[in-house]
Amino acid sequence: MKKIGVVTAGGDAPGMNATIRAIVRSAIYNRLEVIGIERGYAGLLEGRFRVLDSRSVSGIINLGGTILRTVRCEEIKTDEGVERASENLKRINIDGLIAIGGDGTFRGASRLYRTSGIAMIGVPATIDNDVTGTDTTIGFDTAVNTALNAIDKIRDTATSHERIFIVEVMGRRRGFLALEVGLAGGAEVILIPEIKVDLDKLCERIRRDRKEGKVSEIIVMAEGAGDSRQITNYVAEKTGAEVRLAILGHIQRGGTPTAISRTLAAEFGYKAVELLITGETKRMVGVRGNEITSVDLDYSWMVEKEIDLKRCKLAEIVSL
């Protein structure tokens, strides 16, 4: 192992830069050359490479986003695209590639491994926390705290005006972010894609709460749980309450990573380099309990991560 590549692909997550920094410096410590691939898999297909040294990653540990940038790439899903990407890696003599991202990123890395034979190590960095094989992902804690900060402010207005606020957070397919934010934020109701929404029961809960003296409510919903605008209108019509919708959107992706996201980035980045040095060829770094570990790269995206639905019941109980 003499030369490794690093790429950030898919959606950005706070802590990606801290991960790049950890990978580069861990690699240099072990006398490896590091090539950064710009613009995700699209940049790999375009041949957008640059050398990364210790000084090129100075001052980025606190920055959100990714200095390598990331672009969605449909071509990497095709046989032709994977073949060209493999040829480009071989052309610059890459011995191993570290791919930072989520399940889509790892799916692409798996295809690259099968075509090229080049070692592939995945580092999970996604605010969705939907990657199997790790308790949490780089950026998840930051996104939770960003959304929580917004909800704390929204609750002030909700209480002052005796309103119901529906707060939409990210999560097109999974509800990990919404569940964590809702529980931490004391939301009265949490709507996630894993549980079918019963709007009539939701409205019944609100009417009951009003009778019991509750004058405001926060409903946290993942974007994949339904049409937030339609739900807002339905709840307002059926309850007669004043209902407002707040869509947090991409604010959750950016910002300074928290201490947890940064330290996880350091541990994951170091582990990824270590796996390459010890001869691993197709793994994803993860954390289980307090142990930094790894799983088969295919397992990380082929198996659906289970969500703890008991936490939904807990959130309901403590919001009475």
C-alpha atoms as a PDB file:
ATOM      1  CA  MET A   1       0.000   0.000   0.000  1.00  0.00           C
ATOM      2  CA  LYS A   2       1.725   3.169  -1.237  1.00  0.00           C
ATOM      3  CA  LYS A   3      -0.920   5.513  -2.582  1.00  0.00           C
ATOM      4  CA  ILE A   4      -4.529   5.925  -1.465  1.00  0.00           C
ATOM      5  CA  GLY A   5      -7.416   8.025  -2.685  1.00  0.00           C
ATOM      6  CA  VAL A   6     -10.161   9.760  -0.732  1.00  0.00           C
ATOM      7  CA  VAL A   7     -13.548  10.850  -2.078  1.00  0.00           C
ATOM      8  CA  THR A   8     -16.667  12.423  -0.570  1.00  0.00           C
ATOM      9  CA  ALA A   9     -19.841  11.417  -2.384  1.00  0.00           C
ATOM     10  CA  GLY A  10     -23.599  11.846  -2.024  1.00  0.00           C
ATOM     11  CA  GLY A  11     -25.054  14.422   0.356  1.00  0.00           C
ATOM     12  CA  ASP A  12     -22.635  16.416   2.481  1.00  0.00           C
ATOM     13  CA  ALA A  13     -22.555  16.014   6.256  1.00  0.00           C
ATOM     14  CA  PRO A  14     -20.891  18.101   8.988  1.00  0.00           C
ATOM     15  CA  GLY A  15     -17.624  16.411   9.880  1.00  0.00           C
ATOM     16  CA  MET A  16     -16.614  15.332   6.380  1.00  0.00           C
ATOM     17  CA  ASN A  17     -13.726  17.815   6.445  1.00  0.00           C
ATOM     18  CA  ALA A  18     -12.610  16.553   9.833  1.00  0.00           C
ATOM     19  CA  THR A  19     -12.651  13.041   8.334  1.00  0.00           C
ATOM     20  CA  ILE A  20     -10.543  14.089   5.346  1.00  0.00           C
ATOM     21  CA  ARG A  21      -8.069  15.692   7.749  1.00  0.00           C
ATOM     22  CA  ALA A  22      -7.827  12.537   9.857  1.00  0.00           C
ATOM     23  CA  ILE A  23      -7.360  10.301   6.813  1.00  0.00           C
ATOM     24  CA  VAL A  24      -4.669  12.475   5.257  1.00  0.00           C
ATOM     25  CA  ARG A  25      -2.615  12.851   8.423  1.00  0.00           C
ATOM     26  CA  SER A  26      -2.996   9.196   9.422  1.00  0.00           C
ATOM     27  CA  ALA A  27      -1.859   8.183   5.937  1.00  0.00           C
ATOM     28  CA  ILE A  28       1.130  10.526   5.972  1.00  0.00           C
ATOM     29  CA  TYR A  29       2.121   9.226   9.413  1.00  0.00           C
ATOM     30  CA  ASN A  30       2.207   5.765   7.821  1.00  0.00           C
ATOM     31  CA  ARG A  31       4.217   7.026   4.793  1.00  0.00           C
ATOM     32  CA  LEU A  32       1.349   6.841   2.314  1.00  0.00           C
ATOM     33  CA  GLU A  33       0.653   9.309  -0.471  1.00  0.00           C
ATOM     34  CA  VAL A  34      -2.899  10.682  -0.562  1.00  0.00           C
ATOM     35  CA  ILE A  35      -4.832  11.762  -3.650  1.00  0.00           C
ATOM     36  CA  GLY A  36      -8.039  13.728  -3.188  1.00  0.00           C
ATOM     37  CA  ILE A  37     -10.806  13.170  -5.738  1.00  0.00           C
ATOM     38  CA  GLU A  38     -12.868  16.301  -6.281  1.00  0.00           C
ATOM     39  CA  ARG A  39     -16.617  16.420  -6.969  1.00  0.00           C
ATOM     40  CA  GLY A  40     -17.409  12.885  -5.799  1.00  0.00           C
ATOM     41  CA  TYR A  41     -17.720  10.035  -8.260  1.00  0.00           C
ATOM     42  CA  ALA A  42     -18.362  12.559 -11.018  1.00  0.00           C
ATOM     43  CA  GLY A  43     -14.857  13.897 -10.427  1.00  0.00           C
ATOM     44  CA  LEU A  44     -13.465  10.369 -10.504  1.00  0.00           C
ATOM     45  CA  LEU A  45     -14.970   9.924 -13.953  1.00  0.00           C
ATOM     46  CA  GLU A  46     -13.606  13.322 -15.022  1.00  0.00           C
ATOM     47  CA  GLY A  47     -10.128  12.655 -13.613  1.00  0.00           C
ATOM     48  CA  ARG A  48     -10.208  15.539 -11.115  1.00  0.00           C
ATOM     49  CA  PHE A  49      -7.358  14.585  -8.783  1.00  0.00           C
ATOM     50  CA  ARG A  50      -5.084  16.544  -6.459  1.00  0.00           C
ATOM     51  CA  VAL A  51      -2.402  15.645  -3.969  1.00  0.00           C
ATOM     52  CA  LEU A  52      -3.340  16.160  -0.317  1.00  0.00           C
ATOM     53  CA  ASP A  53      -0.616  16.788   2.241  1.00  0.00           C
ATOM     54  CA  SER A  54      -0.663  17.667   5.911  1.00  0.00           C
ATOM     55  CA  ARG A  55      -0.788  21.418   5.259  1.00  0.00           C
ATOM     56  CA  SER A  56      -3.613  21.181   2.698  1.00  0.00           C
ATOM     57  CA  VAL A  57      -5.960  19.970   5.441  1.00  0.00           C
ATOM     58  CA  SER A  58      -4.977  22.594   8.016  1.00  0.00           C
ATOM     59  CA  GLY A  59      -7.786  24.670   9.489  1.00  0.00           C
ATOM     60  CA  ILE A  60     -10.667  22.528   8.186  1.00  0.00           C
ATOM     61  CA  ILE A  61     -11.625  20.499  11.274  1.00  0.00           C
ATOM     62  CA  ASN A  62     -14.286  23.059  12.219  1.00  0.00           C
ATOM     63  CA  LEU A  63     -15.731  23.556   8.736  1.00  0.00           C
ATOM     64  CA  GLY A  64     -18.980  22.046   7.486  1.00  0.00           C
ATOM     65  CA  GLY A  65     -19.336  20.690   3.962  1.00  0.00           C
ATOM     66  CA  THR A  66     -16.378  19.133   2.174  1.00  0.00           C
ATOM     67  CA  ILE A  67     -13.302  20.790   0.684  1.00  0.00           C
ATOM     68  CA  LEU A  68     -13.318  18.078  -2.000  1.00  0.00           C
ATOM     69  CA  ARG A  69     -16.925  18.986  -2.876  1.00  0.00           C
ATOM     70  CA  THR A  70     -19.553  16.418  -3.832  1.00  0.00           C
ATOM     71  CA  VAL A  71     -21.832  16.012  -6.842  1.00  0.00           C
ATOM     72  CA  ARG A  72     -24.572  13.440  -7.399  1.00  0.00           C
ATOM     73  CA  CYS A  73     -23.447  11.048 -10.130  1.00  0.00           C
ATOM     74  CA  GLU A  74     -25.883   8.816 -11.989  1.00  0.00           C
ATOM     75  CA  GLU A  75     -23.179   7.504 -14.330  1.00  0.00           C
ATOM     76  CA  ILE A  76     -21.449   5.574 -11.528  1.00  0.00           C
ATOM     77  CA  LYS A  77     -24.567   3.366 -11.438  1.00  0.00           C
ATOM     78  CA  THR A  78     -23.864   2.106 -14.976  1.00  0.00           C
ATOM     79  CA  ASP A  79     -21.386  -0.569 -16.063  1.00  0.00           C
ATOM     80  CA  GLU A  80     -19.705   1.889 -18.416  1.00  0.00           C
ATOM     81  CA  GLY A  81     -19.292   4.457 -15.661  1.00  0.00           C
ATOM     82  CA  VAL A  82     -17.828   1.969 -13.194  1.00  0.00           C
ATOM     83  CA  GLU A  83     -15.420   0.686 -15.832  1.00  0.00           C
ATOM     84  CA  ARG A  84     -14.164   4.194 -16.633  1.00  0.00           C
ATOM     85  CA  ALA A  85     -13.858   5.076 -12.939  1.00  0.00           C
ATOM     86  CA  SER A  86     -11.818   1.897 -12.378  1.00  0.00           C
ATOM     87  CA  GLU A  87      -9.511   2.734 -15.263  1.00  0.00           C
ATOM     88  CA  ASN A  88      -8.937   6.226 -13.862  1.00  0.00           C
ATOM     89  CA  LEU A  89      -7.985   4.840 -10.450  1.00  0.00           C
ATOM     90  CA  LYS A  90      -5.545   2.412 -12.036  1.00  0.00           C
ATOM     91  CA  ARG A  91      -4.102   5.112 -14.273  1.00  0.00           C
ATOM     92  CA  ILE A  92      -2.839   7.062 -11.254  1.00  0.00           C
ATOM     93  CA  ASN A  93      -1.800   3.896  -9.383  1.00  0.00           C
ATOM     94  CA  ILE A  94      -4.297   4.080  -6.517  1.00  0.00           C
ATOM     95  CA  ASP A  95      -3.868   1.055  -4.225  1.00  0.00           C
ATOM     96  CA  GLY A  96      -6.906   1.761  -2.044  1.00  0.00           C
ATOM     97  CA  LEU A  97      -9.834   4.182  -1.995  1.00  0.00           C
ATOM     98  CA  ILE A  98     -11.594   5.575   1.084  1.00  0.00           C
ATOM     99  CA  ALA A  99     -15.150   6.626   0.242  1.00  0.00           C
ATOM    100  CA  ILE A 100     -16.853   8.997   2.691  1.00  0.00           C
ATOM    101  CA  GLY A 101     -20.658   9.109   2.490  1.00  0.00           C
ATOM    102  CA  GLY A 102     -23.801   7.041   2.931  1.00  0.00           C
ATOM    103  CA  ASP A 103     -25.359   3.878   1.523  1.00  0.00           C
ATOM    104  CA  GLY A 104     -25.393   5.168  -2.063  1.00  0.00           C
ATOM    105  CA  THR A 105     -21.698   5.990  -1.807  1.00  0.00           C
ATOM    106  CA  PHE A 106     -20.935   2.492  -0.541  1.00  0.00           C
ATOM    107  CA  ARG A 107     -23.010   0.873  -3.266  1.00  0.00           C
ATOM    108  CA  GLY A 108     -20.824   2.652  -5.814  1.00  0.00           C
ATOM    109  CA  ALA A 109     -17.652   1.664  -3.952  1.00  0.00           C
ATOM    110  CA  SER A 110     -18.727  -1.991  -3.944  1.00  0.00           C
ATOM    111  CA  ARG A 111     -19.202  -1.923  -7.701  1.00  0.00           C
ATOM    112  CA  LEU A 112     -15.801  -0.273  -8.102  1.00  0.00           C
ATOM    113  CA  TYR A 113     -14.192  -3.025  -6.012  1.00  0.00           C
ATOM    114  CA  ARG A 114     -15.754  -5.804  -8.063  1.00  0.00           C
ATOM    115  CA  THR A 115     -14.639  -4.205 -11.324  1.00  0.00           C
ATOM    116  CA  SER A 116     -11.184  -2.925 -10.381  1.00  0.00           C
ATOM    117  CA  GLY A 117     -10.035  -5.199  -7.543  1.00  0.00           C
ATOM    118  CA  ILE A 118      -8.789  -2.065  -5.760  1.00  0.00           C
ATOM    119  CA  ALA A 119      -9.350  -2.054  -1.991  1.00  0.00           C
ATOM    120  CA  MET A 120     -12.379  -0.004  -0.903  1.00  0.00           C
ATOM    121  CA  ILE A 121     -13.038   1.276   2.615  1.00  0.00           C
ATOM    122  CA  GLY A 122     -16.246   3.122   3.481  1.00  0.00           C
ATOM    123  CA  VAL A 123     -16.557   5.816   6.140  1.00  0.00           C
ATOM    124  CA  PRO A 124     -20.197   6.536   7.087  1.00  0.00           C
ATOM    125  CA  ALA A 125     -20.916  10.274   7.025  1.00  0.00           C
ATOM    126  CA  THR A 126     -24.600  11.101   6.632  1.00  0.00           C
ATOM    127  CA  ILE A 127     -27.091  13.113   8.670  1.00  0.00           C
ATOM    128  CA  ASP A 128     -29.692  10.372   8.102  1.00  0.00           C
ATOM    129  CA  ASN A 129     -27.848   7.788  10.254  1.00  0.00           C
ATOM    130  CA  ASP A 130     -29.386   5.064   8.081  1.00  0.00           C
ATOM    131  CA  VAL A 131     -26.247   3.007   7.407  1.00  0.00           C
ATOM    132  CA  THR A 132     -26.253  -0.550   8.729  1.00  0.00           C
ATOM    133  CA  GLY A 133     -23.267  -1.714  10.765  1.00  0.00           C
ATOM    134  CA  THR A 134     -22.723   1.401  12.859  1.00  0.00           C
ATOM    135  CA  ASP A 135     -24.602   2.877  15.798  1.00  0.00           C
ATOM    136  CA  THR A 136     -24.153   6.376  14.474  1.00  0.00           C
ATOM    137  CA  THR A 137     -22.643   8.258  11.545  1.00  0.00           C
ATOM    138  CA  ILE A 138     -20.467  11.333  11.162  1.00  0.00           C
ATOM    139  CA  GLY A 139     -22.699  14.414  10.993  1.00  0.00           C
ATOM    140  CA  PHE A 140     -25.784  12.896  12.615  1.00  0.00           C
ATOM    141  CA  ASP A 141     -25.190  14.479  16.024  1.00  0.00           C
ATOM    142  CA  THR A 142     -24.566  17.875  14.419  1.00  0.00           C
ATOM    143  CA  ALA A 143     -27.762  17.683  12.359  1.00  0.00           C
ATOM    144  CA  VAL A 144     -29.771  16.691  15.442  1.00  0.00           C
ATOM    145  CA  ASN A 145     -28.436  19.661  17.389  1.00  0.00           C
ATOM    146  CA  THR A 146     -29.022  22.053  14.488  1.00  0.00           C
ATOM    147  CA  ALA A 147     -32.661  20.972  14.217  1.00  0.00           C
ATOM    148  CA  LEU A 148     -33.076  20.965  17.987  1.00  0.00           C
ATOM    149  CA  ASN A 149     -31.821  24.528  18.214  1.00  0.00           C
ATOM    150  CA  ALA A 150     -34.449  25.605  15.662  1.00  0.00           C
ATOM    151  CA  ILE A 151     -37.248  23.713  17.430  1.00  0.00           C
ATOM    152  CA  ASP A 152     -36.389  25.296  20.784  1.00  0.00           C
ATOM    153  CA  LYS A 153     -36.915  28.713  19.172  1.00  0.00           C
ATOM    154  CA  ILE A 154     -40.102  27.625  17.405  1.00  0.00           C
ATOM    155  CA  ARG A 155     -41.536  26.394  20.705  1.00  0.00           C
ATOM    156  CA  ASP A 156     -41.219  29.919  22.136  1.00  0.00           C
ATOM    157  CA  THR A 157     -43.476  31.237  19.383  1.00  0.00           C
ATOM    158  CA  ALA A 158     -45.820  28.251  19.562  1.00  0.00           C
ATOM    159  CA  THR A 159     -46.365  28.828  23.277  1.00  0.00           C
ATOM    160  CA  SER A 160     -46.731  32.602  22.951  1.00  0.00           C
ATOM    161  CA  HIS A 161     -49.363  32.361  20.198  1.00  0.00           C
ATOM    162  CA  GLU A 162     -51.007  29.113  21.341  1.00  0.00           C
ATOM    163  CA  ARG A 163     -50.221  27.467  18.018  1.00  0.00           C
ATOM    164  CA  ILE A 164     -49.432  24.029  16.696  1.00  0.00           C
ATOM    165  CA  PHE A 165     -46.207  23.864  14.718  1.00  0.00           C
ATOM    166  CA  ILE A 166     -45.403  21.044  12.323  1.00  0.00           C
ATOM    167  CA  VAL A 167     -41.621  20.983  11.887  1.00  0.00           C
ATOM    168  CA  GLU A 168     -40.354  19.021   8.891  1.00  0.00           C
ATOM    169  CA  VAL A 169     -36.832  17.647   9.134  1.00  0.00           C
ATOM    170  CA  MET A 170     -34.836  15.670   6.579  1.00  0.00           C
ATOM    171  CA  GLY A 171     -35.338  11.956   6.063  1.00  0.00           C
ATOM    172  CA  ARG A 172     -36.903  10.904   2.755  1.00  0.00           C
ATOM    173  CA  ARG A 173     -36.797   7.174   3.485  1.00  0.00           C
ATOM    174  CA  ARG A 174     -35.908   6.783   7.175  1.00  0.00           C
ATOM    175  CA  GLY A 175     -36.907   8.478  10.405  1.00  0.00           C
ATOM    176  CA  PHE A 176     -33.759   8.301  12.543  1.00  0.00           C
ATOM    177  CA  LEU A 177     -33.231  12.070  12.499  1.00  0.00           C
ATOM    178  CA  ALA A 178     -36.875  12.937  13.174  1.00  0.00           C
ATOM    179  CA  LEU A 179     -37.094  10.446  16.036  1.00  0.00           C
ATOM    180  CA  GLU A 180     -33.938  11.712  17.740  1.00  0.00           C
ATOM    181  CA  VAL A 181     -34.886  15.362  17.305  1.00  0.00           C
ATOM    182  CA  GLY A 182     -38.477  14.787  18.404  1.00  0.00           C
ATOM    183  CA  LEU A 183     -37.449  12.919  21.537  1.00  0.00           C
ATOM    184  CA  ALA A 184     -34.789  15.468  22.498  1.00  0.00           C
ATOM    185  CA  GLY A 185     -37.071  18.392  21.678  1.00  0.00           C
ATOM    186  CA  GLY A 186     -40.052  17.157  23.651  1.00  0.00           C
ATOM    187  CA  ALA A 187     -42.302  16.940  20.598  1.00  0.00           C
ATOM    188  CA  GLU A 188     -45.880  15.923  21.314  1.00  0.00           C
ATOM    189  CA  VAL A 189     -46.016  13.868  18.097  1.00  0.00           C
ATOM    190  CA  ILE A 190     -43.307  12.357  15.874  1.00  0.00           C
ATOM    191  CA  LEU A 191     -44.116  11.241  12.325  1.00  0.00           C
ATOM    192  CA  ILE A 192     -41.670   8.932  10.547  1.00  0.00           C
ATOM    193  CA  PRO A 193     -41.797   6.893   7.301  1.00  0.00           C
ATOM    194  CA  GLU A 194     -41.606   3.612   9.236  1.00  0.00           C
ATOM    195  CA  ILE A 195     -45.043   4.155  10.809  1.00  0.00           C
ATOM    196  CA  LYS A 196     -48.112   4.969   8.707  1.00  0.00           C
ATOM    197  CA  VAL A 197     -49.638   8.291   9.666  1.00  0.00           C
ATOM    198  CA  ASP A 198     -53.191   8.139  11.078  1.00  0.00           C
ATOM    199  CA  LEU A 199     -54.277  11.748  10.764  1.00  0.00           C
ATOM    200  CA  ASP A 200     -57.589  11.199  12.526  1.00  0.00           C
ATOM    201  CA  LYS A 201     -55.824   9.813  15.609  1.00  0.00           C
ATOM    202  CA  LEU A 202     -53.394  12.713  15.429  1.00  0.00           C
ATOM    203  CA  CYS A 203     -56.251  15.216  15.428  1.00  0.00           C
ATOM    204  CA  GLU A 204     -57.969  13.347  18.246  1.00  0.00           C
ATOM    205  CA  ARG A 205     -54.771  13.628  20.311  1.00  0.00           C
ATOM    206  CA  ILE A 206     -54.620  17.366  19.694  1.00  0.00           C
ATOM    207  CA  ARG A 207     -58.265  17.922  20.642  1.00  0.00           C
ATOM    208  CA  ARG A 208     -57.757  15.909  23.829  1.00  0.00           C
ATOM    209  CA  ASP A 209     -54.650  17.889  24.709  1.00  0.00           C
ATOM    210  CA  ARG A 210     -56.552  21.148  24.246  1.00  0.00           C
ATOM    211  CA  LYS A 211     -59.294  19.988  26.589  1.00  0.00           C
ATOM    212  CA  GLU A 212     -56.657  19.107  29.164  1.00  0.00           C
ATOM    213  CA  GLY A 213     -55.196  22.599  28.997  1.00  0.00           C
ATOM    214  CA  LYS A 214     -52.282  22.210  26.594  1.00  0.00           C
ATOM    215  CA  VAL A 215     -52.209  25.385  24.476  1.00  0.00           C
ATOM    216  CA  SER A 216     -49.409  24.588  22.045  1.00  0.00           C
ATOM    217  CA  GLU A 217     -47.842  21.544  20.420  1.00  0.00           C
ATOM    218  CA  ILE A 218     -44.797  20.626  18.366  1.00  0.00           C
ATOM    219  CA  ILE A 219     -45.115  17.911  15.737  1.00  0.00           C
ATOM    220  CA  VAL A 220     -41.802  16.740  14.282  1.00  0.00           C
ATOM    221  CA  MET A 221     -42.058  14.878  10.988  1.00  0.00           C
ATOM    222  CA  ALA A 222     -39.559  13.370   8.593  1.00  0.00           C
ATOM    223  CA  GLU A 223     -40.014  14.613   5.031  1.00  0.00           C
ATOM    224  CA  GLY A 224     -40.733  11.043   3.928  1.00  0.00           C
ATOM    225  CA  ALA A 225     -43.628  10.641   6.369  1.00  0.00           C
ATOM    226  CA  GLY A 226     -46.082  12.422   4.070  1.00  0.00           C
ATOM    227  CA  ASP A 227     -46.944  15.734   2.434  1.00  0.00           C
ATOM    228  CA  SER A 228     -46.316  18.236   5.228  1.00  0.00           C
ATOM    229  CA  ARG A 229     -48.437  20.952   3.622  1.00  0.00           C
ATOM    230  CA  GLN A 230     -51.425  18.669   3.227  1.00  0.00           C
ATOM    231  CA  ILE A 231     -51.041  17.413   6.794  1.00  0.00           C
ATOM    232  CA  THR A 232     -50.839  20.985   8.091  1.00  0.00           C
ATOM    233  CA  ASN A 233     -54.067  21.945   6.297  1.00  0.00           C
ATOM    234  CA  TYR A 234     -55.851  18.769   7.410  1.00  0.00           C
ATOM    235  CA  VAL A 235     -54.937  19.240  11.073  1.00  0.00           C
ATOM    236  CA  ALA A 236     -56.018  22.883  10.999  1.00  0.00           C
ATOM    237  CA  GLU A 237     -59.355  21.982   9.398  1.00  0.00           C
ATOM    238  CA  LYS A 238     -60.171  19.057  11.718  1.00  0.00           C
ATOM    239  CA  THR A 239     -59.065  20.637  15.001  1.00  0.00           C
ATOM    240  CA  GLY A 240     -59.891  24.281  14.440  1.00  0.00           C
ATOM    241  CA  ALA A 241     -56.473  25.147  15.838  1.00  0.00           C
ATOM    242  CA  GLU A 242     -53.977  27.575  14.373  1.00  0.00           C
ATOM    243  CA  VAL A 243     -51.371  25.405  12.668  1.00  0.00           C
ATOM    244  CA  ARG A 244     -48.089  26.536  11.127  1.00  0.00           C
ATOM    245  CA  LEU A 245     -45.532  24.617   9.056  1.00  0.00           C
ATOM    246  CA  ALA A 246     -41.759  25.083   9.401  1.00  0.00           C
ATOM    247  CA  ILE A 247     -39.532  23.229   6.929  1.00  0.00           C
ATOM    248  CA  LEU A 248     -35.943  23.247   8.165  1.00  0.00           C
ATOM    249  CA  GLY A 249     -34.505  21.959   4.872  1.00  0.00           C
ATOM    250  CA  HIS A 250     -30.798  22.084   4.083  1.00  0.00           C
ATOM    251  CA  ILE A 251     -29.902  24.100   7.164  1.00  0.00           C
ATOM    252  CA  GLN A 252     -29.496  20.664   8.780  1.00  0.00           C
ATOM    253  CA  ARG A 253     -26.658  19.691   6.436  1.00  0.00           C
ATOM    254  CA  GLY A 254     -24.359  22.621   7.102  1.00  0.00           C
ATOM    255  CA  GLY A 255     -22.663  24.301  10.013  1.00  0.00           C
ATOM    256  CA  THR A 256     -19.811  23.667  12.386  1.00  0.00           C
ATOM    257  CA  PRO A 257     -19.620  19.989  13.404  1.00  0.00           C
ATOM    258  CA  THR A 258     -20.158  19.186  17.065  1.00  0.00           C
ATOM    259  CA  ALA A 259     -17.467  17.667  19.252  1.00  0.00           C
ATOM    260  CA  ILE A 260     -19.071  14.243  18.808  1.00  0.00           C
ATOM    261  CA  SER A 261     -19.032  14.537  15.005  1.00  0.00           C
ATOM    262  CA  ARG A 262     -15.394  15.693  15.041  1.00  0.00           C
ATOM    263  CA  THR A 263     -14.074  13.001  17.360  1.00  0.00           C
ATOM    264  CA  LEU A 264     -15.986  10.329  15.443  1.00  0.00           C
ATOM    265  CA  ALA A 265     -14.409  11.665  12.246  1.00  0.00           C
ATOM    266  CA  ALA A 266     -10.933  11.348  13.749  1.00  0.00           C
ATOM    267  CA  GLU A 267     -11.537   7.781  14.938  1.00  0.00           C
ATOM    268  CA  PHE A 268     -13.206   6.654  11.700  1.00  0.00           C
ATOM    269  CA  GLY A 269     -10.558   8.300   9.501  1.00  0.00           C
ATOM    270  CA  TYR A 270      -7.704   6.664  11.389  1.00  0.00           C
ATOM    271  CA  LYS A 271      -9.454   3.277  11.354  1.00  0.00           C
ATOM    272  CA  ALA A 272     -10.039   3.478   7.594  1.00  0.00           C
ATOM    273  CA  VAL A 273      -6.324   3.977   6.941  1.00  0.00           C
ATOM    274  CA  GLU A 274      -5.461   1.199   9.380  1.00  0.00           C
ATOM    275  CA  LEU A 275      -7.752  -1.230   7.543  1.00  0.00           C
ATOM    276  CA  LEU A 276      -5.998  -0.506   4.246  1.00  0.00           C
ATOM    277  CA  ILE A 277      -2.552  -0.941   5.779  1.00  0.00           C
ATOM    278  CA  THR A 278      -3.502  -4.292   7.313  1.00  0.00           C
ATOM    279  CA  GLY A 279      -4.717  -5.612   3.962  1.00  0.00           C
ATOM    280  CA  GLU A 280      -8.502  -5.276   4.229  1.00  0.00           C
ATOM    281  CA  THR A 281     -10.089  -4.840   0.811  1.00  0.00           C
ATOM    282  CA  LYS A 282     -13.841  -4.247   1.251  1.00  0.00           C
ATOM    283  CA  ARG A 283     -14.951  -2.927   4.648  1.00  0.00           C
ATOM    284  CA  MET A 284     -16.904  -0.093   6.235  1.00  0.00           C
ATOM    285  CA  VAL A 285     -15.772   1.547   9.454  1.00  0.00           C
ATOM    286  CA  GLY A 286     -18.346   1.727  12.237  1.00  0.00           C
ATOM    287  CA  VAL A 287     -18.914   2.099  15.951  1.00  0.00           C
ATOM    288  CA  ARG A 288     -20.705  -0.405  18.182  1.00  0.00           C
ATOM    289  CA  GLY A 289     -21.032   0.671  21.798  1.00  0.00           C
ATOM    290  CA  ASN A 290     -17.673   2.248  22.576  1.00  0.00           C
ATOM    291  CA  GLU A 291     -15.697   0.154  20.086  1.00  0.00           C
ATOM    292  CA  ILE A 292     -14.550   1.322  16.665  1.00  0.00           C
ATOM    293  CA  THR A 293     -15.036  -1.665  14.403  1.00  0.00           C
ATOM    294  CA  SER A 294     -15.789  -2.578  10.791  1.00  0.00           C
ATOM    295  CA  VAL A 295     -18.247  -4.616   8.731  1.00  0.00           C
ATOM    296  CA  ASP A 296     -18.376  -5.927   5.188  1.00  0.00           C
ATOM    297  CA  LEU A 297     -19.001  -3.031   2.818  1.00  0.00           C
ATOM    298  CA  ASP A 298     -21.892  -4.815   1.085  1.00  0.00           C
ATOM    299  CA  TYR A 299     -23.612  -5.440   4.425  1.00  0.00           C
ATOM    300  CA  SER A 300     -23.673  -1.691   5.087  1.00  0.00           C
ATOM    301  CA  TRP A 301     -26.006  -0.935   2.186  1.00  0.00           C
ATOM    302  CA  MET A 302     -27.707  -4.243   1.387  1.00  0.00           C
ATOM    303  CA  VAL A 303     -29.248  -4.740   4.845  1.00  0.00           C
ATOM    304  CA  GLU A 304     -31.769  -2.197   6.137  1.00  0.00           C
ATOM    305  CA  LYS A 305     -30.851  -0.643   9.465  1.00  0.00           C
ATOM    306  CA  GLU A 306     -33.455  -1.210  12.163  1.00  0.00           C
ATOM    307  CA  ILE A 307     -34.999   1.791  13.901  1.00  0.00           C
ATOM    308  CA  ASP A 308     -35.846   1.522  17.591  1.00  0.00           C
ATOM    309  CA  LEU A 309     -39.602   2.044  17.554  1.00  0.00           C
ATOM    310  CA  LYS A 310     -39.719   1.769  21.352  1.00  0.00           C
ATOM    311  CA  ARG A 311     -38.307   5.281  21.381  1.00  0.00           C
ATOM    312  CA  CYS A 312     -41.482   6.479  19.652  1.00  0.00           C
ATOM    313  CA  LYS A 313     -43.501   5.143  22.595  1.00  0.00           C
ATOM    314  CA  LEU A 314     -41.075   6.758  25.015  1.00  0.00           C
ATOM    315  CA  ALA A 315     -41.469  10.106  23.240  1.00  0.00           C
ATOM    316  CA  GLU A 316     -45.264   9.782  23.445  1.00  0.00           C
ATOM    317  CA  ILE A 317     -45.177   9.002  27.168  1.00  0.00           C
ATOM    318  CA  VAL A 318     -42.872  11.860  28.182  1.00  0.00           C
ATOM    319  CA  SER A 319     -44.822  14.396  26.078  1.00  0.00           C
ATOM    320  CA  LEU A 320     -48.167  13.917  27.873  1.00  0.00           C
END
